[in-house]
Amino acid sequence: MPGLPSIKNRLHTAAAFFLLLIFAQSTPALAAAVDSLSPSITTAPLSVDQVVDNLIRRNEERAQALLHSESTRVYHLAYRGFPGDRDAEMTVEATYDSPSTKNFKVVSQNGSKLVIDRVFKRLLESEKEAAEPEMRARTLLNRDNYDFALVGFEPPGVDSPAKDGSKAGQYILAVSPKIRSKYVYRGKVWVDAADFAVTKIDAEPAQNPSFWTKKNEVHQEYLKLQNFWLPLRNQSISDIRLGGRATLTIDYSNYRVTDAKSSQKPRPHPPLTPTRTGRKTRFGFPAT
């Protein structure tokens, strides 16, 4: 059928396009839309302004303190639908050097060459570009880019936040971008009440990033390593207009970080004791 290869390329590219923009943030930015206020906000220790002030300040401190990081990522994409199913997987060694340098080394890859070349490798290229200061400034989770509302507070023990080392609970913020664009997002973020770091994100783009997708959602969770909260697992799901669904997952492991405060050499993250955050989610982002 004439034009079919072009359509297939766009389908797979669209499925990942909105996700790659998230990597522009060195602090996470968002999640799913909120329909009603939670009664738990009446028991929250701090106001929304106090939470946001602390979040912005601590994110800046962590960004300045993180000199270097290394990790292993496993990308997997499964597409089901018209004009045919496709699967692919790629393992990558990622490095970050302050303030904005990212490098990637592909360790292995298998499956659909189309997905590997048009989705995975494009994600890596775009993440490097998105780390540049100008793009980062437009997507940071702060008052210049977003409006905030406090919609809930989970005390310790609710949904297992204590497993993550948090003994102070988690604030739930609704986040709305001030400018509607495909580079920003709306939804909810969970903020650790002790570290004031984002621990989980449920999000959707503020603007549909592609004609070929009719619904996009992102779920992400973080782990705490030393003084940093780092991506643990990410999942993005895109429903395609012509009929089909693309599910992209990224799993992060083998972290090594260099902290400016301690000036210590990189240390490996314990391999079998990752700290998961929040509810069981369906899927990671830059360090915070």
Foldseek 3Di string as FASTA:
>chain_A
DPPVVVVVLVLLLLQQVLVLLQQLALAGAAAADDDAFDPQVVVDPDAPVVLQVLLVVLSVVQLVFFAKKKWKKKKWKWKDWPPHTWIKIWIWIWMDGPPQAIDIDTDDMDTDPSNVVSHVVVSVVSSSVSSDPVNNVQEYHHPVFKDKHFRHWAADPVQHQVLQVQNGTWTKIWIDTPDQDSSYWTHIFIARPPSSGTFKHWIFHSDSPDPQFDGKIKIWGWHDDDSKTFTAWIWMWTATPVGMIMIMMMGIAQMWTATNVVRDGTDTDPGPRTRTDGHDDDTGYHMD
